[in-house]
PDB file of N, CA and C in Angstrom:
ATOM      1  N   MET A   1    -121.237  -3.434  51.499  1.00  0.00           N
ATOM      2  CA  MET A   1    -120.188  -2.772  52.261  1.00  0.00           C
ATOM      3  C   MET A   1    -120.765  -1.508  52.890  1.00  0.00           C
ATOM      4  N   PRO A   2    -120.476  -1.267  54.161  1.00  0.00           N
ATOM      5  CA  PRO A   2    -120.983  -0.062  54.816  1.00  0.00           C
ATOM      6  C   PRO A   2    -120.328   1.199  54.253  1.00  0.00           C
ATOM      7  N   LYS A   3    -120.974   2.317  54.517  1.00  0.00           N
ATOM      8  CA  LYS A   3    -120.447   3.617  54.087  1.00  0.00           C
ATOM      9  C   LYS A   3    -119.299   4.014  55.007  1.00  0.00           C
ATOM     10  N   VAL A   4    -118.181   4.415  54.397  1.00  0.00           N
ATOM     11  CA  VAL A   4    -117.008   4.862  55.149  1.00  0.00           C
ATOM     12  C   VAL A   4    -116.811   6.348  54.873  1.00  0.00           C
ATOM     13  N   VAL A   5    -116.784   7.130  55.947  1.00  0.00           N
ATOM     14  CA  VAL A   5    -116.573   8.573  55.849  1.00  0.00           C
ATOM     15  C   VAL A   5    -115.326   8.919  56.644  1.00  0.00           C
ATOM     16  N   MET A   6    -114.465   9.746  56.035  1.00  0.00           N
ATOM     17  CA  MET A   6    -113.246  10.153  56.729  1.00  0.00           C
ATOM     18  C   MET A   6    -113.090  11.668  56.617  1.00  0.00           C
ATOM     19  N   TYR A   7    -113.084  12.326  57.768  1.00  0.00           N
ATOM     20  CA  TYR A   7    -112.741  13.746  57.821  1.00  0.00           C
ATOM     21  C   TYR A   7    -111.224  13.829  57.695  1.00  0.00           C
ATOM     22  N   SER A   8    -110.746  14.693  56.806  1.00  0.00           N
ATOM     23  CA  SER A   8    -109.311  14.765  56.554  1.00  0.00           C
ATOM     24  C   SER A   8    -108.904  16.172  56.138  1.00  0.00           C
ATOM     25  N   THR A   9    -107.612  16.325  55.891  1.00  0.00           N
ATOM     26  CA  THR A   9    -107.061  17.562  55.338  1.00  0.00           C
ATOM     27  C   THR A   9    -106.210  17.194  54.129  1.00  0.00           C
ATOM     28  N   GLY A  10    -105.742  18.207  53.413  1.00  0.00           N
ATOM     29  CA  GLY A  10    -104.954  17.979  52.207  1.00  0.00           C
ATOM     30  C   GLY A  10    -103.672  17.224  52.465  1.00  0.00           C
ATOM     31  N   TYR A  11    -102.930  17.628  53.477  1.00  0.00           N
ATOM     32  CA  TYR A  11    -101.704  16.920  53.824  1.00  0.00           C
ATOM     33  C   TYR A  11    -101.890  16.331  55.208  1.00  0.00           C
ATOM     34  N   CYS A  12    -101.984  15.013  55.257  1.00  0.00           N
ATOM     35  CA  CYS A  12    -102.220  14.342  56.528  1.00  0.00           C
ATOM     36  C   CYS A  12    -101.687  12.916  56.423  1.00  0.00           C
ATOM     37  N   PRO A  13    -100.488  12.666  56.933  1.00  0.00           N
ATOM     38  CA  PRO A  13     -99.924  11.313  56.834  1.00  0.00           C
ATOM     39  C   PRO A  13    -100.805  10.254  57.497  1.00  0.00           C
ATOM     40  N   TYR A  14    -101.468  10.602  58.595  1.00  0.00           N
ATOM     41  CA  TYR A  14    -102.324   9.626  59.260  1.00  0.00           C
ATOM     42  C   TYR A  14    -103.577   9.341  58.445  1.00  0.00           C
ATOM     43  N   CYS A  15    -104.064  10.334  57.717  1.00  0.00           N
ATOM     44  CA  CYS A  15    -105.193  10.114  56.807  1.00  0.00           C
ATOM     45  C   CYS A  15    -104.773   9.158  55.695  1.00  0.00           C
ATOM     46  N   ASP A  16    -103.573   9.358  55.157  1.00  0.00           N
ATOM     47  CA  ASP A  16    -103.060   8.472  54.113  1.00  0.00           C
ATOM     48  C   ASP A  16    -102.928   7.041  54.635  1.00  0.00           C
ATOM     49  N   ARG A  17    -102.418   6.888  55.842  1.00  0.00           N
ATOM     50  CA  ARG A  17    -102.267   5.551  56.424  1.00  0.00           C
ATOM     51  C   ARG A  17    -103.625   4.898  56.661  1.00  0.00           C
ATOM     52  N   ALA A  18    -104.594   5.677  57.127  1.00  0.00           N
ATOM     53  CA  ALA A  18    -105.938   5.149  57.351  1.00  0.00           C
ATOM     54  C   ALA A  18    -106.553   4.695  56.030  1.00  0.00           C
ATOM     55  N   GLU A  19    -106.411   5.518  55.010  1.00  0.00           N
ATOM     56  CA  GLU A  19    -106.957   5.158  53.695  1.00  0.00           C
ATOM     57  C   GLU A  19    -106.303   3.882  53.171  1.00  0.00           C
ATOM     58  N   ARG A  20    -104.999   3.776  53.341  1.00  0.00           N
ATOM     59  CA  ARG A  20    -104.268   2.589  52.885  1.00  0.00           C
ATOM     60  C   ARG A  20    -104.764   1.331  53.612  1.00  0.00           C
ATOM     61  N   LEU A  21    -104.926   1.422  54.934  1.00  0.00           N
ATOM     62  CA  LEU A  21    -105.396   0.275  55.713  1.00  0.00           C
ATOM     63  C   LEU A  21    -106.807  -0.117  55.294  1.00  0.00           C
ATOM     64  N   LEU A  22    -107.683   0.862  55.151  1.00  0.00           N
ATOM     65  CA  LEU A  22    -109.057   0.561  54.736  1.00  0.00           C
ATOM     66  C   LEU A  22    -109.081  -0.091  53.357  1.00  0.00           C
ATOM     67  N   THR A  23    -108.258   0.399  52.442  1.00  0.00           N
ATOM     68  CA  THR A  23    -108.179  -0.182  51.100  1.00  0.00           C
ATOM     69  C   THR A  23    -107.673  -1.614  51.168  1.00  0.00           C
ATOM     70  N   GLN A  24    -106.668  -1.860  52.005  1.00  0.00           N
ATOM     71  CA  GLN A  24    -106.149  -3.222  52.173  1.00  0.00           C
ATOM     72  C   GLN A  24    -107.213  -4.164  52.718  1.00  0.00           C
ATOM     73  N   ARG A  25    -108.164  -3.630  53.457  1.00  0.00           N
ATOM     74  CA  ARG A  25    -109.228  -4.452  54.048  1.00  0.00           C
ATOM     75  C   ARG A  25    -110.462  -4.525  53.157  1.00  0.00           C
ATOM     76  N   GLY A  26    -110.332  -4.034  51.917  1.00  0.00           N
ATOM     77  CA  GLY A  26    -111.386  -4.224  50.936  1.00  0.00           C
ATOM     78  C   GLY A  26    -112.308  -3.051  50.686  1.00  0.00           C
ATOM     79  N   VAL A  27    -112.076  -1.929  51.354  1.00  0.00           N
ATOM     80  CA  VAL A  27    -112.913  -0.754  51.130  1.00  0.00           C
ATOM     81  C   VAL A  27    -112.555  -0.151  49.774  1.00  0.00           C
ATOM     82  N   THR A  28    -113.567   0.038  48.938  1.00  0.00           N
ATOM     83  CA  THR A  28    -113.318   0.582  47.602  1.00  0.00           C
ATOM     84  C   THR A  28    -113.717   2.044  47.479  1.00  0.00           C
ATOM     85  N   LYS A  29    -114.542   2.522  48.419  1.00  0.00           N
ATOM     86  CA  LYS A  29    -114.988   3.915  48.351  1.00  0.00           C
ATOM     87  C   LYS A  29    -114.954   4.528  49.747  1.00  0.00           C
ATOM     88  N   ILE A  30    -114.255   5.644  49.868  1.00  0.00           N
ATOM     89  CA  ILE A  30    -114.195   6.407  51.103  1.00  0.00           C
ATOM     90  C   ILE A  30    -114.659   7.817  50.788  1.00  0.00           C
ATOM     91  N   GLU A  31    -115.693   8.254  51.489  1.00  0.00           N
ATOM     92  CA  GLU A  31    -116.151   9.630  51.328  1.00  0.00           C
ATOM     93  C   GLU A  31    -115.255  10.508  52.197  1.00  0.00           C
ATOM     94  N   LYS A  32    -114.461  11.353  51.541  1.00  0.00           N
ATOM     95  CA  LYS A  32    -113.543  12.227  52.265  1.00  0.00           C
ATOM     96  C   LYS A  32    -114.157  13.612  52.396  1.00  0.00           C
ATOM     97  N   ILE A  33    -114.138  14.104  53.607  1.00  0.00           N
ATOM     98  CA  ILE A  33    -114.620  15.454  53.882  1.00  0.00           C
ATOM     99  C   ILE A  33    -113.414  16.283  54.300  1.00  0.00           C
ATOM    100  N   ARG A  34    -113.030  17.231  53.459  1.00  0.00           N
ATOM    101  CA  ARG A  34    -111.835  18.048  53.691  1.00  0.00           C
ATOM    102  C   ARG A  34    -112.182  19.214  54.617  1.00  0.00           C
ATOM    103  N   VAL A  35    -111.773  19.093  55.868  1.00  0.00           N
ATOM    104  CA  VAL A  35    -112.081  20.139  56.845  1.00  0.00           C
ATOM    105  C   VAL A  35    -111.189  21.364  56.689  1.00  0.00           C
ATOM    106  N   ASP A  36    -110.076  21.232  55.976  1.00  0.00           N
ATOM    107  CA  ASP A  36    -109.206  22.386  55.740  1.00  0.00           C
ATOM    108  C   ASP A  36    -109.774  23.313  54.668  1.00  0.00           C
ATOM    109  N   LEU A  37    -110.671  22.804  53.845  1.00  0.00           N
ATOM    110  CA  LEU A  37    -111.261  23.611  52.782  1.00  0.00           C
ATOM    111  C   LEU A  37    -112.584  24.242  53.184  1.00  0.00           C
ATOM    112  N   ASP A  38    -113.182  23.713  54.249  1.00  0.00           N
ATOM    113  CA  ASP A  38    -114.503  24.190  54.655  1.00  0.00           C
ATOM    114  C   ASP A  38    -114.587  24.259  56.178  1.00  0.00           C
ATOM    115  N   PRO A  39    -114.432  25.458  56.757  1.00  0.00           N
ATOM    116  CA  PRO A  39    -114.473  25.598  58.216  1.00  0.00           C
ATOM    117  C   PRO A  39    -115.777  25.081  58.837  1.00  0.00           C
ATOM    118  N   ALA A  40    -116.870  25.152  58.105  1.00  0.00           N
ATOM    119  CA  ALA A  40    -118.142  24.644  58.638  1.00  0.00           C
ATOM    120  C   ALA A  40    -118.072  23.133  58.836  1.00  0.00           C
ATOM    121  N   GLU A  41    -117.388  22.439  57.924  1.00  0.00           N
ATOM    122  CA  GLU A  41    -117.231  20.985  58.059  1.00  0.00           C
ATOM    123  C   GLU A  41    -116.358  20.646  59.271  1.00  0.00           C
ATOM    124  N   ARG A  42    -115.347  21.474  59.544  1.00  0.00           N
ATOM    125  CA  ARG A  42    -114.521  21.256  60.746  1.00  0.00           C
ATOM    126  C   ARG A  42    -115.377  21.381  62.001  1.00  0.00           C
ATOM    127  N   GLU A  43    -116.259  22.372  62.023  1.00  0.00           N
ATOM    128  CA  GLU A  43    -117.158  22.550  63.175  1.00  0.00           C
ATOM    129  C   GLU A  43    -118.083  21.345  63.339  1.00  0.00           C
ATOM    130  N   ILE A  44    -118.611  20.864  62.224  1.00  0.00           N
ATOM    131  CA  ILE A  44    -119.476  19.674  62.266  1.00  0.00           C
ATOM    132  C   ILE A  44    -118.700  18.475  62.796  1.00  0.00           C
ATOM    133  N   MET A  45    -117.468  18.297  62.297  1.00  0.00           N
ATOM    134  CA  MET A  45    -116.633  17.184  62.756  1.00  0.00           C
ATOM    135  C   MET A  45    -116.396  17.270  64.264  1.00  0.00           C
ATOM    136  N   MET A  46    -116.037  18.448  64.752  1.00  0.00           N
ATOM    137  CA  MET A  46    -115.732  18.601  66.176  1.00  0.00           C
ATOM    138  C   MET A  46    -116.974  18.370  67.026  1.00  0.00           C
ATOM    139  N   GLU A  47    -118.126  18.786  66.536  1.00  0.00           N
ATOM    140  CA  GLU A  47    -119.367  18.568  67.274  1.00  0.00           C
ATOM    141  C   GLU A  47    -119.730  17.079  67.298  1.00  0.00           C
ATOM    142  N   ARG A  48    -119.560  16.413  66.156  1.00  0.00           N
ATOM    143  CA  ARG A  48    -119.898  14.987  66.060  1.00  0.00           C
ATOM    144  C   ARG A  48    -118.965  14.106  66.867  1.00  0.00           C
ATOM    145  N   THR A  49    -117.662  14.420  66.825  1.00  0.00           N
ATOM    146  CA  THR A  49    -116.660  13.509  67.381  1.00  0.00           C
ATOM    147  C   THR A  49    -116.101  13.943  68.732  1.00  0.00           C
ATOM    148  N   GLN A  50    -116.292  15.214  69.079  1.00  0.00           N
ATOM    149  CA  GLN A  50    -115.668  15.785  70.276  1.00  0.00           C
ATOM    150  C   GLN A  50    -114.138  15.748  70.171  1.00  0.00           C
ATOM    151  N   ARG A  51    -113.620  15.742  68.936  1.00  0.00           N
ATOM    152  CA  ARG A  51    -112.180  15.736  68.682  1.00  0.00           C
ATOM    153  C   ARG A  51    -111.848  16.805  67.657  1.00  0.00           C
ATOM    154  N   ARG A  52    -110.575  17.237  67.684  1.00  0.00           N
ATOM    155  CA  ARG A  52    -110.133  18.304  66.785  1.00  0.00           C
ATOM    156  C   ARG A  52    -109.191  17.801  65.692  1.00  0.00           C
ATOM    157  N   THR A  53    -108.692  16.585  65.834  1.00  0.00           N
ATOM    158  CA  THR A  53    -107.660  16.094  64.923  1.00  0.00           C
ATOM    159  C   THR A  53    -108.254  15.240  63.808  1.00  0.00           C
ATOM    160  N   VAL A  54    -107.508  15.142  62.723  1.00  0.00           N
ATOM    161  CA  VAL A  54    -107.871  14.272  61.615  1.00  0.00           C
ATOM    162  C   VAL A  54    -106.842  13.159  61.505  1.00  0.00           C
ATOM    163  N   PRO A  55    -107.219  12.033  60.966  1.00  0.00           N
ATOM    164  CA  PRO A  55    -108.540  11.721  60.455  1.00  0.00           C
ATOM    165  C   PRO A  55    -109.529  11.395  61.571  1.00  0.00           C
ATOM    166  N   GLN A  56    -110.779  11.550  61.262  1.00  0.00           N
ATOM    167  CA  GLN A  56    -111.874  11.029  62.075  1.00  0.00           C
ATOM    168  C   GLN A  56    -112.686  10.158  61.124  1.00  0.00           C
ATOM    169  N   ILE A  57    -112.830   8.905  61.494  1.00  0.00           N
ATOM    170  CA  ILE A  57    -113.389   7.906  60.589  1.00  0.00           C
ATOM    171  C   ILE A  57    -114.704   7.369  61.138  1.00  0.00           C
ATOM    172  N   TYR A  58    -115.669   7.281  60.242  1.00  0.00           N
ATOM    173  CA  TYR A  58    -116.956   6.661  60.547  1.00  0.00           C
ATOM    174  C   TYR A  58    -117.166   5.483  59.603  1.00  0.00           C
ATOM    175  N   ILE A  59    -117.636   4.384  60.151  1.00  0.00           N
ATOM    176  CA  ILE A  59    -118.100   3.261  59.343  1.00  0.00           C
ATOM    177  C   ILE A  59    -119.586   3.168  59.648  1.00  0.00           C
ATOM    178  N   ASP A  60    -120.381   3.504  58.633  1.00  0.00           N
ATOM    179  CA  ASP A  60    -121.814   3.755  58.825  1.00  0.00           C
ATOM    180  C   ASP A  60    -121.950   4.786  59.946  1.00  0.00           C
ATOM    181  N   ASP A  61    -122.693   4.494  61.001  1.00  0.00           N
ATOM    182  CA  ASP A  61    -122.869   5.459  62.085  1.00  0.00           C
ATOM    183  C   ASP A  61    -121.889   5.246  63.232  1.00  0.00           C
ATOM    184  N   TYR A  62    -120.982   4.277  63.098  1.00  0.00           N
ATOM    185  CA  TYR A  62    -120.026   3.963  64.170  1.00  0.00           C
ATOM    186  C   TYR A  62    -118.790   4.850  64.048  1.00  0.00           C
ATOM    187  N   HIS A  63    -118.511   5.630  65.084  1.00  0.00           N
ATOM    188  CA  HIS A  63    -117.324   6.478  65.086  1.00  0.00           C
ATOM    189  C   HIS A  63    -116.129   5.645  65.516  1.00  0.00           C
ATOM    190  N   VAL A  64    -115.256   5.358  64.566  1.00  0.00           N
ATOM    191  CA  VAL A  64    -114.052   4.582  64.836  1.00  0.00           C
ATOM    192  C   VAL A  64    -113.059   5.425  65.612  1.00  0.00           C
ATOM    193  N   GLY A  65    -112.887   6.676  65.188  1.00  0.00           N
ATOM    194  CA  GLY A  65    -111.893   7.567  65.774  1.00  0.00           C
ATOM    195  C   GLY A  65    -110.840   7.891  64.732  1.00  0.00           C
ATOM    196  N   GLY A  66    -109.589   8.036  65.188  1.00  0.00           N
ATOM    197  CA  GLY A  66    -108.490   8.362  64.297  1.00  0.00           C
ATOM    198  C   GLY A  66    -107.765   7.130  63.803  1.00  0.00           C
ATOM    199  N   PHE A  67    -106.585   7.347  63.192  1.00  0.00           N
ATOM    200  CA  PHE A  67    -105.835   6.224  62.641  1.00  0.00           C
ATOM    201  C   PHE A  67    -105.437   5.222  63.713  1.00  0.00           C
ATOM    202  N   ASP A  68    -104.962   5.698  64.856  1.00  0.00           N
ATOM    203  CA  ASP A  68    -104.559   4.767  65.915  1.00  0.00           C
ATOM    204  C   ASP A  68    -105.722   3.891  66.356  1.00  0.00           C
ATOM    205  N   ASP A  69    -106.905   4.474  66.441  1.00  0.00           N
ATOM    206  CA  ASP A  69    -108.105   3.708  66.808  1.00  0.00           C
ATOM    207  C   ASP A  69    -108.434   2.678  65.733  1.00  0.00           C
ATOM    208  N   LEU A  70    -108.313   3.082  64.466  1.00  0.00           N
ATOM    209  CA  LEU A  70    -108.576   2.184  63.345  1.00  0.00           C
ATOM    210  C   LEU A  70    -107.597   1.016  63.359  1.00  0.00           C
ATOM    211  N   ALA A  71    -106.302   1.319  63.562  1.00  0.00           N
ATOM    212  CA  ALA A  71    -105.285   0.277  63.592  1.00  0.00           C
ATOM    213  C   ALA A  71    -105.507  -0.680  64.764  1.00  0.00           C
ATOM    214  N   ALA A  72    -105.910  -0.151  65.922  1.00  0.00           N
ATOM    215  CA  ALA A  72    -106.177  -0.990  67.084  1.00  0.00           C
ATOM    216  C   ALA A  72    -107.376  -1.900  66.823  1.00  0.00           C
ATOM    217  N   LEU A  73    -108.393  -1.374  66.171  1.00  0.00           N
ATOM    218  CA  LEU A  73    -109.573  -2.164  65.816  1.00  0.00           C
ATOM    219  C   LEU A  73    -109.170  -3.297  64.874  1.00  0.00           C
ATOM    220  N   ASP A  74    -108.317  -2.990  63.916  1.00  0.00           N
ATOM    221  CA  ASP A  74    -107.831  -4.005  62.978  1.00  0.00           C
ATOM    222  C   ASP A  74    -107.003  -5.053  63.715  1.00  0.00           C
ATOM    223  N   HIS A  75    -106.103  -4.594  64.567  1.00  0.00           N
ATOM    224  CA  HIS A  75    -105.229  -5.504  65.318  1.00  0.00           C
ATOM    225  C   HIS A  75    -106.040  -6.450  66.204  1.00  0.00           C
ATOM    226  N   ALA A  76    -107.158  -5.964  66.723  1.00  0.00           N
ATOM    227  CA  ALA A  76    -108.019  -6.784  67.588  1.00  0.00           C
ATOM    228  C   ALA A  76    -108.920  -7.725  66.781  1.00  0.00           C
ATOM    229  N   GLY A  77    -108.830  -7.642  65.448  1.00  0.00           N
ATOM    230  CA  GLY A  77    -109.640  -8.509  64.608  1.00  0.00           C
ATOM    231  C   GLY A  77    -111.080  -8.061  64.464  1.00  0.00           C
ATOM    232  N   LYS A  78    -111.354  -6.792  64.760  1.00  0.00           N
ATOM    233  CA  LYS A  78    -112.731  -6.301  64.739  1.00  0.00           C
ATOM    234  C   LYS A  78    -113.053  -5.420  63.533  1.00  0.00           C
ATOM    235  N   LEU A  79    -112.038  -5.021  62.758  1.00  0.00           N
ATOM    236  CA  LEU A  79    -112.285  -4.130  61.627  1.00  0.00           C
ATOM    237  C   LEU A  79    -113.005  -4.848  60.493  1.00  0.00           C
ATOM    238  N   ILE A  80    -112.518  -5.997  60.091  1.00  0.00           N
ATOM    239  CA  ILE A  80    -113.134  -6.705  58.966  1.00  0.00           C
ATOM    240  C   ILE A  80    -114.586  -7.073  59.266  1.00  0.00           C
ATOM    241  N   PRO A  81    -114.904  -7.609  60.459  1.00  0.00           N
ATOM    242  CA  PRO A  81    -116.329  -7.861  60.737  1.00  0.00           C
ATOM    243  C   PRO A  81    -117.171  -6.585  60.671  1.00  0.00           C
ATOM    244  N   LEU A  82    -116.624  -5.465  61.136  1.00  0.00           N
ATOM    245  CA  LEU A  82    -117.350  -4.201  61.082  1.00  0.00           C
ATOM    246  C   LEU A  82    -117.588  -3.796  59.621  1.00  0.00           C
ATOM    247  N   LEU A  83    -116.583  -3.982  58.788  1.00  0.00           N
ATOM    248  CA  LEU A  83    -116.713  -3.650  57.365  1.00  0.00           C
ATOM    249  C   LEU A  83    -117.667  -4.613  56.648  1.00  0.00           C
ATOM    250  N   ASN A  84    -117.831  -5.801  57.210  1.00  0.00           N
ATOM    251  CA  ASN A  84    -118.752  -6.765  56.634  1.00  0.00           C
ATOM    252  C   ASN A  84    -120.168  -6.618  57.172  1.00  0.00           C
ATOM    253  N   GLY A  85    -120.375  -5.589  57.988  1.00  0.00           N
ATOM    254  CA  GLY A  85    -121.702  -5.311  58.503  1.00  0.00           C
ATOM    255  C   GLY A  85    -122.066  -6.090  59.753  1.00  0.00           C
ATOM    256  N   ASN A  86    -121.094  -6.690  60.413  1.00  0.00           N
ATOM    257  CA  ASN A  86    -121.345  -7.463  61.636  1.00  0.00           C
ATOM    258  C   ASN A  86    -121.061  -6.649  62.886  1.00  0.00           C
TER     259      ASN A  86
END
């Protein structure tokens, strides 16, 4: 299974929804980076993604985007192959 990284904050309904969807698709480990606890991590996230909002999700080196992007990828049938390394 590829590495899944999610930039998030303590209270974030979209982060919760993203985590739930990833778990439903078989992801057992998500590395969460709390940008609300570490301003340097927020700067890194914004530099990497060119976005300011959370969640920002990476599957290995592929930037999925936020929850809406993740849900669209799933709806298009592309999330599971990505999680399977295809």
